[in-house]
Amino acid sequence: MESTLSVINLMPSGKAQITTFVRSIKSEILSGEKRVLPILVQLKYAEKTIDEILKDKEIDEAFLNEYHGYSAKETVIIGGAEIGEGNFGTKYDYKESGDLQWIELDEKINKLIKQRKEREKFLISLPIEGVTDEKTGLYINRPPKSSVTKCTVTIK
């Protein structure tokens, strides 16, 4: 009986295989021969599965334990990928430093951010043709809007 991990070995290994796999998937999707929404759903399931695996702390620990079995500070190469070690998510709580200058700057910045958000709300509420600013006499345009329409997938 095959293990669950053997499924991962069916996925591309290396840049060239990824490129070939993506081109092949794209070609099949665009051919019009199959319904594509079930493919989108399956891709989202695969994405969520991989995300959950890579975010699991115990699995991360297993990866690090094996990596630490190699020589110190060595970059390990497996399947054309370099594996190293790094620190991620480092955070500092500057409010706890007691630095009055930082606290004052933070308050000013937060006030400016709030003012900018209020101004942005005003700007997007302008009529499409724009308006003349009563204080400055300058003409203000409504900011251009751009977006991309995509299918959404909610995994339940």
Foldseek 3Di string as FASTA:
>chain_A
DDDPVVVVVVQDQDDVRVVVVVVVVVCVLVVPPDDCVVVVQVVVVVVVVVVVCVVDPVNVVVVVVVVVVDDPQDFDADSNDTDGDDDPDDDDDVVVVPDPVVVVVVVVVVVVVVVVVVVLVVLQPADQVFAQDPVPRHTHHRDDDDDDDDDDDDDD
